[in-house]
Amino acid sequence: SAGFAFSADRRRWGEFSAHLSSMPRPGSSVMLKVGGQP
C-alpha cells in the first residue's frame, strides 16, 4: 500500500510512505516513480 500522511500539528503534511510487497535487500535502493520522475 502507499499514500500520503497529514497530521493535525502539520509536522507531516503530504509525507509519502509505502508498505512494500517484499523486504528490500539490505543496503539496496528503493525508488518511487511518479509520471516517469524518479
PDB file of all heavy atoms in Angstrom:
ATOM      1  N   SER A   1       0.858  -1.179   0.000  1.00  0.00           N
ATOM      2  CA  SER A   1       0.000   0.000   0.000  1.00  0.00           C
ATOM      3  C   SER A   1       0.895   1.230   0.000  1.00  0.00           C
ATOM      4  O   SER A   1       2.062   1.159   0.381  1.00  0.00           O
ATOM      5  CB  SER A   1      -0.934   0.020   1.214  1.00  0.00           C
ATOM      6  OG  SER A   1      -0.197   0.148   2.413  1.00  0.00           O
ATOM      7  N   ALA A   2       0.347   2.334  -0.451  1.00  0.00           N
ATOM      8  CA  ALA A   2       1.119   3.579  -0.498  1.00  0.00           C
ATOM      9  C   ALA A   2       0.165   4.748  -0.333  1.00  0.00           C
ATOM     10  O   ALA A   2      -1.036   4.627  -0.590  1.00  0.00           O
ATOM     11  CB  ALA A   2       1.869   3.700  -1.823  1.00  0.00           C
ATOM     12  N   GLY A   3       0.726   5.873   0.076  1.00  0.00           N
ATOM     13  CA  GLY A   3      -0.116   7.047   0.210  1.00  0.00           C
ATOM     14  C   GLY A   3       0.584   8.208   0.876  1.00  0.00           C
ATOM     15  O   GLY A   3       1.815   8.243   0.973  1.00  0.00           O
ATOM     16  N   PHE A   4      -0.239   9.136   1.323  1.00  0.00           N
ATOM     17  CA  PHE A   4       0.230  10.410   1.847  1.00  0.00           C
ATOM     18  C   PHE A   4      -0.373  10.652   3.216  1.00  0.00           C
ATOM     19  O   PHE A   4      -1.568  10.450   3.411  1.00  0.00           O
ATOM     20  CB  PHE A   4      -0.174  11.538   0.892  1.00  0.00           C
ATOM     21  CG  PHE A   4       0.373  11.333  -0.493  1.00  0.00           C
ATOM     22  CD1 PHE A   4      -0.366  10.653  -1.458  1.00  0.00           C
ATOM     23  CD2 PHE A   4       1.635  11.788  -0.820  1.00  0.00           C
ATOM     24  CE1 PHE A   4       0.145  10.452  -2.732  1.00  0.00           C
ATOM     25  CE2 PHE A   4       2.156  11.584  -2.092  1.00  0.00           C
ATOM     26  CZ  PHE A   4       1.408  10.916  -3.042  1.00  0.00           C
ATOM     27  N   ALA A   5       0.458  11.112   4.170  1.00  0.00           N
ATOM     28  CA  ALA A   5       0.014  11.344   5.542  1.00  0.00           C
ATOM     29  C   ALA A   5      -0.011  12.832   5.869  1.00  0.00           C
ATOM     30  O   ALA A   5       0.851  13.594   5.419  1.00  0.00           O
ATOM     31  CB  ALA A   5       0.939  10.623   6.510  1.00  0.00           C
ATOM     32  N   PHE A   6      -0.998  13.203   6.661  1.00  0.00           N
ATOM     33  CA  PHE A   6      -1.171  14.574   7.134  1.00  0.00           C
ATOM     34  C   PHE A   6      -1.441  14.500   8.631  1.00  0.00           C
ATOM     35  O   PHE A   6      -2.270  13.707   9.064  1.00  0.00           O
ATOM     36  CB  PHE A   6      -2.369  15.235   6.440  1.00  0.00           C
ATOM     37  CG  PHE A   6      -2.248  15.252   4.947  1.00  0.00           C
ATOM     38  CD1 PHE A   6      -2.695  14.178   4.194  1.00  0.00           C
ATOM     39  CD2 PHE A   6      -1.662  16.328   4.299  1.00  0.00           C
ATOM     40  CE1 PHE A   6      -2.575  14.181   2.809  1.00  0.00           C
ATOM     41  CE2 PHE A   6      -1.543  16.336   2.919  1.00  0.00           C
ATOM     42  CZ  PHE A   6      -1.992  15.264   2.174  1.00  0.00           C
ATOM     43  N   SER A   7      -0.745  15.300   9.417  1.00  0.00           N
ATOM     44  CA  SER A   7      -1.002  15.314  10.853  1.00  0.00           C
ATOM     45  C   SER A   7      -1.608  16.662  11.246  1.00  0.00           C
ATOM     46  O   SER A   7      -1.342  17.690  10.615  1.00  0.00           O
ATOM     47  CB  SER A   7       0.278  15.053  11.652  1.00  0.00           C
ATOM     48  OG  SER A   7       1.240  16.050  11.407  1.00  0.00           O
ATOM     49  N   ALA A   8      -2.420  16.616  12.290  1.00  0.00           N
ATOM     50  CA  ALA A   8      -3.099  17.836  12.744  1.00  0.00           C
ATOM     51  C   ALA A   8      -2.104  18.917  13.155  1.00  0.00           C
ATOM     52  O   ALA A   8      -2.384  20.101  13.001  1.00  0.00           O
ATOM     53  CB  ALA A   8      -4.047  17.508  13.896  1.00  0.00           C
ATOM     54  N   ASP A   9      -0.918  18.521  13.628  1.00  0.00           N
ATOM     55  CA  ASP A   9       0.090  19.509  14.024  1.00  0.00           C
ATOM     56  C   ASP A   9       0.956  19.971  12.843  1.00  0.00           C
ATOM     57  O   ASP A   9       1.864  20.765  13.016  1.00  0.00           O
ATOM     58  CB  ASP A   9       0.978  18.966  15.142  1.00  0.00           C
ATOM     59  CG  ASP A   9       1.786  17.746  14.735  1.00  0.00           C
ATOM     60  OD1 ASP A   9       1.804  17.383  13.527  1.00  0.00           O
ATOM     61  OD2 ASP A   9       2.410  17.140  15.625  1.00  0.00           O
ATOM     62  N   ARG A  10       0.663  19.458  11.651  1.00  0.00           N
ATOM     63  CA  ARG A  10       1.339  19.800  10.388  1.00  0.00           C
ATOM     64  C   ARG A  10       2.809  19.368  10.336  1.00  0.00           C
ATOM     65  O   ARG A  10       3.534  19.766   9.441  1.00  0.00           O
ATOM     66  CB  ARG A  10       1.198  21.288  10.066  1.00  0.00           C
ATOM     67  CG  ARG A  10      -0.239  21.663   9.746  1.00  0.00           C
ATOM     68  CD  ARG A  10      -0.397  23.086   9.309  1.00  0.00           C
ATOM     69  NE  ARG A  10       0.061  23.360   7.966  1.00  0.00           N
ATOM     70  CZ  ARG A  10      -0.672  23.282   6.859  1.00  0.00           C
ATOM     71  NH1 ARG A  10      -1.902  22.875   6.947  1.00  0.00           N
ATOM     72  NH2 ARG A  10      -0.170  23.602   5.699  1.00  0.00           N
ATOM     73  N   ARG A  11       3.267  18.554  11.265  1.00  0.00           N
ATOM     74  CA  ARG A  11       4.642  18.040  11.184  1.00  0.00           C
ATOM     75  C   ARG A  11       4.785  17.081  10.012  1.00  0.00           C
ATOM     76  O   ARG A  11       5.861  16.933   9.465  1.00  0.00           O
ATOM     77  CB  ARG A  11       5.033  17.359  12.488  1.00  0.00           C
ATOM     78  CG  ARG A  11       5.245  18.350  13.596  1.00  0.00           C
ATOM     79  CD  ARG A  11       5.753  17.702  14.833  1.00  0.00           C
ATOM     80  NE  ARG A  11       5.876  18.709  15.875  1.00  0.00           N
ATOM     81  CZ  ARG A  11       6.062  18.449  17.123  1.00  0.00           C
ATOM     82  NH1 ARG A  11       6.162  17.199  17.534  1.00  0.00           N
ATOM     83  NH2 ARG A  11       6.155  19.426  17.996  1.00  0.00           N
ATOM     84  N   ARG A  12       3.700  16.428   9.674  1.00  0.00           N
ATOM     85  CA  ARG A  12       3.651  15.577   8.483  1.00  0.00           C
ATOM     86  C   ARG A  12       2.555  16.176   7.605  1.00  0.00           C
ATOM     87  O   ARG A  12       1.389  16.152   7.972  1.00  0.00           O
ATOM     88  CB  ARG A  12       3.312  14.141   8.860  1.00  0.00           C
ATOM     89  CG  ARG A  12       4.374  13.503   9.734  1.00  0.00           C
ATOM     90  CD  ARG A  12       3.919  12.183  10.279  1.00  0.00           C
ATOM     91  NE  ARG A  12       3.911  11.168   9.250  1.00  0.00           N
ATOM     92  CZ  ARG A  12       3.436   9.940   9.441  1.00  0.00           C
ATOM     93  NH1 ARG A  12       2.928   9.591  10.597  1.00  0.00           N
ATOM     94  NH2 ARG A  12       3.461   9.065   8.467  1.00  0.00           N
ATOM     95  N   TRP A  13       2.936  16.684   6.446  1.00  0.00           N
ATOM     96  CA  TRP A  13       1.942  17.297   5.569  1.00  0.00           C
ATOM     97  C   TRP A  13       2.214  16.852   4.147  1.00  0.00           C
ATOM     98  O   TRP A  13       2.993  17.441   3.429  1.00  0.00           O
ATOM     99  CB  TRP A  13       1.942  18.824   5.694  1.00  0.00           C
ATOM    100  CG  TRP A  13       0.639  19.381   5.232  1.00  0.00           C
ATOM    101  CD1 TRP A  13       0.379  20.006   4.053  1.00  0.00           C
ATOM    102  CD2 TRP A  13      -0.608  19.304   5.916  1.00  0.00           C
ATOM    103  NE1 TRP A  13      -0.945  20.322   3.962  1.00  0.00           N
ATOM    104  CE2 TRP A  13      -1.581  19.913   5.104  1.00  0.00           C
ATOM    105  CE3 TRP A  13      -1.001  18.772   7.147  1.00  0.00           C
ATOM    106  CZ2 TRP A  13      -2.914  19.999   5.464  1.00  0.00           C
ATOM    107  CZ3 TRP A  13      -2.338  18.866   7.501  1.00  0.00           C
ATOM    108  CH2 TRP A  13      -3.273  19.483   6.670  1.00  0.00           C
ATOM    109  N   GLY A  14       1.589  15.733   3.772  1.00  0.00           N
ATOM    110  CA  GLY A  14       1.796  15.176   2.445  1.00  0.00           C
ATOM    111  C   GLY A  14       2.960  14.212   2.393  1.00  0.00           C
ATOM    112  O   GLY A  14       3.468  13.905   1.316  1.00  0.00           O
ATOM    113  N   GLU A  15       3.391  13.685   3.544  1.00  0.00           N
ATOM    114  CA  GLU A  15       4.516  12.748   3.579  1.00  0.00           C
ATOM    115  C   GLU A  15       4.129  11.446   2.876  1.00  0.00           C
ATOM    116  O   GLU A  15       3.136  10.814   3.210  1.00  0.00           O
ATOM    117  CB  GLU A  15       4.908  12.453   5.020  1.00  0.00           C
ATOM    118  CG  GLU A  15       6.038  11.446   5.126  1.00  0.00           C
ATOM    119  CD  GLU A  15       6.329  11.064   6.560  1.00  0.00           C
ATOM    120  OE1 GLU A  15       5.430  10.498   7.219  1.00  0.00           O
ATOM    121  OE2 GLU A  15       7.437  11.372   7.022  1.00  0.00           O
ATOM    122  N   PHE A  16       4.955  11.047   1.900  1.00  0.00           N
ATOM    123  CA  PHE A  16       4.702   9.812   1.164  1.00  0.00           C
ATOM    124  C   PHE A  16       5.276   8.635   1.940  1.00  0.00           C
ATOM    125  O   PHE A  16       6.381   8.704   2.484  1.00  0.00           O
ATOM    126  CB  PHE A  16       5.361   9.865  -0.227  1.00  0.00           C
ATOM    127  CG  PHE A  16       5.209   8.573  -0.969  1.00  0.00           C
ATOM    128  CD1 PHE A  16       4.037   8.288  -1.648  1.00  0.00           C
ATOM    129  CD2 PHE A  16       6.217   7.627  -0.955  1.00  0.00           C
ATOM    130  CE1 PHE A  16       3.872   7.076  -2.297  1.00  0.00           C
ATOM    131  CE2 PHE A  16       6.068   6.415  -1.612  1.00  0.00           C
ATOM    132  CZ  PHE A  16       4.895   6.140  -2.290  1.00  0.00           C
ATOM    133  N   SER A  17       4.531   7.535   1.976  1.00  0.00           N
ATOM    134  CA  SER A  17       5.046   6.282   2.540  1.00  0.00           C
ATOM    135  C   SER A  17       4.484   5.117   1.743  1.00  0.00           C
ATOM    136  O   SER A  17       3.432   5.221   1.113  1.00  0.00           O
ATOM    137  CB  SER A  17       4.674   6.135   4.016  1.00  0.00           C
ATOM    138  OG  SER A  17       3.277   5.971   4.160  1.00  0.00           O
ATOM    139  N   ALA A  18       5.223   4.012   1.777  1.00  0.00           N
ATOM    140  CA  ALA A  18       4.776   2.798   1.093  1.00  0.00           C
ATOM    141  C   ALA A  18       5.110   1.580   1.947  1.00  0.00           C
ATOM    142  O   ALA A  18       6.223   1.479   2.475  1.00  0.00           O
ATOM    143  CB  ALA A  18       5.452   2.672  -0.268  1.00  0.00           C
ATOM    144  N   HIS A  19       4.144   0.708   2.113  1.00  0.00           N
ATOM    145  CA  HIS A  19       4.385  -0.595   2.723  1.00  0.00           C
ATOM    146  C   HIS A  19       4.690  -1.523   1.549  1.00  0.00           C
ATOM    147  O   HIS A  19       3.838  -1.728   0.682  1.00  0.00           O
ATOM    148  CB  HIS A  19       3.155  -1.058   3.500  1.00  0.00           C
ATOM    149  CG  HIS A  19       3.432  -2.194   4.417  1.00  0.00           C
ATOM    150  ND1 HIS A  19       2.457  -2.806   5.134  1.00  0.00           N
ATOM    151  CD2 HIS A  19       4.577  -2.823   4.755  1.00  0.00           C
ATOM    152  CE1 HIS A  19       2.978  -3.763   5.872  1.00  0.00           C
ATOM    153  NE2 HIS A  19       4.268  -3.792   5.640  1.00  0.00           N
ATOM    154  N   LEU A  20       5.902  -2.019   1.497  1.00  0.00           N
ATOM    155  CA  LEU A  20       6.398  -2.751   0.331  1.00  0.00           C
ATOM    156  C   LEU A  20       5.912  -4.194   0.303  1.00  0.00           C
ATOM    157  O   LEU A  20       5.732  -4.819   1.353  1.00  0.00           O
ATOM    158  CB  LEU A  20       7.931  -2.713   0.329  1.00  0.00           C
ATOM    159  CG  LEU A  20       8.547  -1.314   0.449  1.00  0.00           C
ATOM    160  CD1 LEU A  20      10.047  -1.406   0.658  1.00  0.00           C
ATOM    161  CD2 LEU A  20       8.205  -0.475  -0.758  1.00  0.00           C
ATOM    162  N   SER A  21       5.763  -4.728  -0.905  1.00  0.00           N
ATOM    163  CA  SER A  21       5.319  -6.108  -1.063  1.00  0.00           C
ATOM    164  C   SER A  21       6.417  -7.104  -0.709  1.00  0.00           C
ATOM    165  O   SER A  21       6.136  -8.267  -0.426  1.00  0.00           O
ATOM    166  CB  SER A  21       4.851  -6.359  -2.497  1.00  0.00           C
ATOM    167  OG  SER A  21       5.916  -6.145  -3.412  1.00  0.00           O
ATOM    168  N   SER A  22       7.667  -6.661  -0.722  1.00  0.00           N
ATOM    169  CA  SER A  22       8.811  -7.523  -0.398  1.00  0.00           C
ATOM    170  C   SER A  22       9.783  -6.771   0.493  1.00  0.00           C
ATOM    171  O   SER A  22       9.883  -5.550   0.412  1.00  0.00           O
ATOM    172  CB  SER A  22       9.551  -7.937  -1.676  1.00  0.00           C
ATOM    173  OG  SER A  22       8.717  -8.709  -2.503  1.00  0.00           O
ATOM    174  N   MET A  23      10.507  -7.499   1.300  1.00  0.00           N
ATOM    175  CA  MET A  23      11.548  -6.908   2.132  1.00  0.00           C
ATOM    176  C   MET A  23      12.741  -6.606   1.224  1.00  0.00           C
ATOM    177  O   MET A  23      13.265  -7.504   0.568  1.00  0.00           O
ATOM    178  CB  MET A  23      11.971  -7.882   3.225  1.00  0.00           C
ATOM    179  CG  MET A  23      12.989  -7.318   4.173  1.00  0.00           C
ATOM    180  SD  MET A  23      12.339  -6.056   5.269  1.00  0.00           S
ATOM    181  CE  MET A  23      11.376  -7.047   6.381  1.00  0.00           C
ATOM    182  N   PRO A  24      13.156  -5.340   1.147  1.00  0.00           N
ATOM    183  CA  PRO A  24      14.278  -5.000   0.267  1.00  0.00           C
ATOM    184  C   PRO A  24      15.593  -5.612   0.753  1.00  0.00           C
ATOM    185  O   PRO A  24      15.776  -5.832   1.947  1.00  0.00           O
ATOM    186  CB  PRO A  24      14.365  -3.476   0.340  1.00  0.00           C
ATOM    187  CG  PRO A  24      13.107  -3.026   0.960  1.00  0.00           C
ATOM    188  CD  PRO A  24      12.584  -4.162   1.773  1.00  0.00           C
ATOM    189  N   ARG A  25      16.464  -5.863  -0.200  1.00  0.00           N
ATOM    190  CA  ARG A  25      17.805  -6.350   0.111  1.00  0.00           C
ATOM    191  C   ARG A  25      18.504  -5.293   0.959  1.00  0.00           C
ATOM    192  O   ARG A  25      18.424  -4.100   0.650  1.00  0.00           O
ATOM    193  CB  ARG A  25      18.569  -6.559  -1.196  1.00  0.00           C
ATOM    194  CG  ARG A  25      20.030  -6.897  -1.005  1.00  0.00           C
ATOM    195  CD  ARG A  25      20.751  -6.863  -2.311  1.00  0.00           C
ATOM    196  NE  ARG A  25      20.477  -8.107  -3.010  1.00  0.00           N
ATOM    197  CZ  ARG A  25      20.957  -8.400  -4.204  1.00  0.00           C
ATOM    198  NH1 ARG A  25      21.704  -7.529  -4.846  1.00  0.00           N
ATOM    199  NH2 ARG A  25      20.679  -9.541  -4.761  1.00  0.00           N
ATOM    200  N   PRO A  26      19.173  -5.681   2.040  1.00  0.00           N
ATOM    201  CA  PRO A  26      19.885  -4.701   2.865  1.00  0.00           C
ATOM    202  C   PRO A  26      20.862  -3.867   2.024  1.00  0.00           C
ATOM    203  O   PRO A  26      21.600  -4.405   1.203  1.00  0.00           O
ATOM    204  CB  PRO A  26      20.638  -5.563   3.883  1.00  0.00           C
ATOM    205  CG  PRO A  26      19.833  -6.833   3.963  1.00  0.00           C
ATOM    206  CD  PRO A  26      19.301  -7.042   2.567  1.00  0.00           C
ATOM    207  N   GLY A  27      20.813  -2.569   2.229  1.00  0.00           N
ATOM    208  CA  GLY A  27      21.702  -1.657   1.515  1.00  0.00           C
ATOM    209  C   GLY A  27      21.264  -1.299   0.111  1.00  0.00           C
ATOM    210  O   GLY A  27      21.903  -0.480  -0.545  1.00  0.00           O
ATOM    211  N   SER A  28      20.170  -1.894  -0.373  1.00  0.00           N
ATOM    212  CA  SER A  28      19.718  -1.577  -1.733  1.00  0.00           C
ATOM    213  C   SER A  28      18.812  -0.361  -1.723  1.00  0.00           C
ATOM    214  O   SER A  28      18.308   0.057  -0.679  1.00  0.00           O
ATOM    215  CB  SER A  28      18.992  -2.772  -2.359  1.00  0.00           C
ATOM    216  OG  SER A  28      17.783  -3.029  -1.696  1.00  0.00           O
ATOM    217  N   SER A  29      18.605   0.215  -2.886  1.00  0.00           N
ATOM    218  CA  SER A  29      17.764   1.396  -3.041  1.00  0.00           C
ATOM    219  C   SER A  29      16.335   0.991  -3.368  1.00  0.00           C
ATOM    220  O   SER A  29      16.095  -0.026  -4.014  1.00  0.00           O
ATOM    221  CB  SER A  29      18.282   2.269  -4.188  1.00  0.00           C
ATOM    222  OG  SER A  29      19.575   2.714  -3.906  1.00  0.00           O
ATOM    223  N   VAL A  30      15.406   1.804  -2.921  1.00  0.00           N
ATOM    224  CA  VAL A  30      14.011   1.666  -3.316  1.00  0.00           C
ATOM    225  C   VAL A  30      13.641   2.979  -3.979  1.00  0.00           C
ATOM    226  O   VAL A  30      13.888   4.061  -3.432  1.00  0.00           O
ATOM    227  CB  VAL A  30      13.097   1.367  -2.107  1.00  0.00           C
ATOM    228  CG1 VAL A  30      11.629   1.419  -2.503  1.00  0.00           C
ATOM    229  CG2 VAL A  30      13.435   0.001  -1.517  1.00  0.00           C
ATOM    230  N   MET A  31      13.083   2.879  -5.178  1.00  0.00           N
ATOM    231  CA  MET A  31      12.750   4.061  -5.968  1.00  0.00           C
ATOM    232  C   MET A  31      11.241   4.157  -6.159  1.00  0.00           C
ATOM    233  O   MET A  31      10.576   3.154  -6.367  1.00  0.00           O
ATOM    234  CB  MET A  31      13.403   3.985  -7.354  1.00  0.00           C
ATOM    235  CG  MET A  31      14.912   3.936  -7.350  1.00  0.00           C
ATOM    236  SD  MET A  31      15.674   5.444  -6.792  1.00  0.00           S
ATOM    237  CE  MET A  31      15.260   6.541  -8.124  1.00  0.00           C
ATOM    238  N   LEU A  32      10.769   5.377  -6.104  1.00  0.00           N
ATOM    239  CA  LEU A  32       9.395   5.696  -6.456  1.00  0.00           C
ATOM    240  C   LEU A  32       9.455   6.403  -7.799  1.00  0.00           C
ATOM    241  O   LEU A  32      10.292   7.294  -7.987  1.00  0.00           O
ATOM    242  CB  LEU A  32       8.782   6.626  -5.407  1.00  0.00           C
ATOM    243  CG  LEU A  32       7.454   7.299  -5.770  1.00  0.00           C
ATOM    244  CD1 LEU A  32       6.332   6.262  -5.870  1.00  0.00           C
ATOM    245  CD2 LEU A  32       7.109   8.366  -4.751  1.00  0.00           C
ATOM    246  N   LYS A  33       8.595   6.011  -8.727  1.00  0.00           N
ATOM    247  CA  LYS A  33       8.473   6.722  -9.999  1.00  0.00           C
ATOM    248  C   LYS A  33       7.032   7.203 -10.127  1.00  0.00           C
ATOM    249  O   LYS A  33       6.102   6.421 -10.062  1.00  0.00           O
ATOM    250  CB  LYS A  33       8.845   5.831 -11.176  1.00  0.00           C
ATOM    251  CG  LYS A  33      10.320   5.505 -11.209  1.00  0.00           C
ATOM    252  CD  LYS A  33      10.692   4.711 -12.429  1.00  0.00           C
ATOM    253  CE  LYS A  33      12.176   4.363 -12.396  1.00  0.00           C
ATOM    254  NZ  LYS A  33      12.533   3.483 -13.503  1.00  0.00           N
ATOM    255  N   VAL A  34       6.900   8.514 -10.306  1.00  0.00           N
ATOM    256  CA  VAL A  34       5.585   9.119 -10.494  1.00  0.00           C
ATOM    257  C   VAL A  34       5.675   9.944 -11.768  1.00  0.00           C
ATOM    258  O   VAL A  34       6.514  10.837 -11.871  1.00  0.00           O
ATOM    259  CB  VAL A  34       5.190  10.034  -9.311  1.00  0.00           C
ATOM    260  CG1 VAL A  34       3.749  10.503  -9.468  1.00  0.00           C
ATOM    261  CG2 VAL A  34       5.379   9.345  -7.986  1.00  0.00           C
ATOM    262  N   GLY A  35       4.824   9.613 -12.736  1.00  0.00           N
ATOM    263  CA  GLY A  35       4.873  10.328 -14.008  1.00  0.00           C
ATOM    264  C   GLY A  35       6.251  10.254 -14.649  1.00  0.00           C
ATOM    265  O   GLY A  35       6.684  11.198 -15.293  1.00  0.00           O
ATOM    266  N   GLY A  36       6.957   9.149 -14.450  1.00  0.00           N
ATOM    267  CA  GLY A  36       8.287   8.971 -15.019  1.00  0.00           C
ATOM    268  C   GLY A  36       9.409   9.626 -14.219  1.00  0.00           C
ATOM    269  O   GLY A  36      10.577   9.418 -14.488  1.00  0.00           O
ATOM    270  N   GLN A  37       9.072  10.422 -13.216  1.00  0.00           N
ATOM    271  CA  GLN A  37      10.066  11.111 -12.388  1.00  0.00           C
ATOM    272  C   GLN A  37      10.487  10.196 -11.233  1.00  0.00           C
ATOM    273  O   GLN A  37       9.649   9.758 -10.461  1.00  0.00           O
ATOM    274  CB  GLN A  37       9.461  12.407 -11.842  1.00  0.00           C
ATOM    275  CG  GLN A  37      10.357  13.181 -10.915  1.00  0.00           C
ATOM    276  CD  GLN A  37      11.501  13.860 -11.649  1.00  0.00           C
ATOM    277  OE1 GLN A  37      11.326  14.345 -12.755  1.00  0.00           O
ATOM    278  NE2 GLN A  37      12.650  13.878 -11.032  1.00  0.00           N
ATOM    279  N   PRO A  38      11.800   9.900 -11.106  1.00  0.00           N
ATOM    280  CA  PRO A  38      12.246   9.011 -10.026  1.00  0.00           C
ATOM    281  C   PRO A  38      12.538   9.763  -8.721  1.00  0.00           C
ATOM    282  O   PRO A  38      13.002  10.907  -8.740  1.00  0.00           O
ATOM    283  CB  PRO A  38      13.530   8.414 -10.586  1.00  0.00           C
ATOM    284  CG  PRO A  38      14.074   9.477 -11.480  1.00  0.00           C
ATOM    285  CD  PRO A  38      12.879  10.191 -12.054  1.00  0.00           C
TER     286      PRO A  38
END
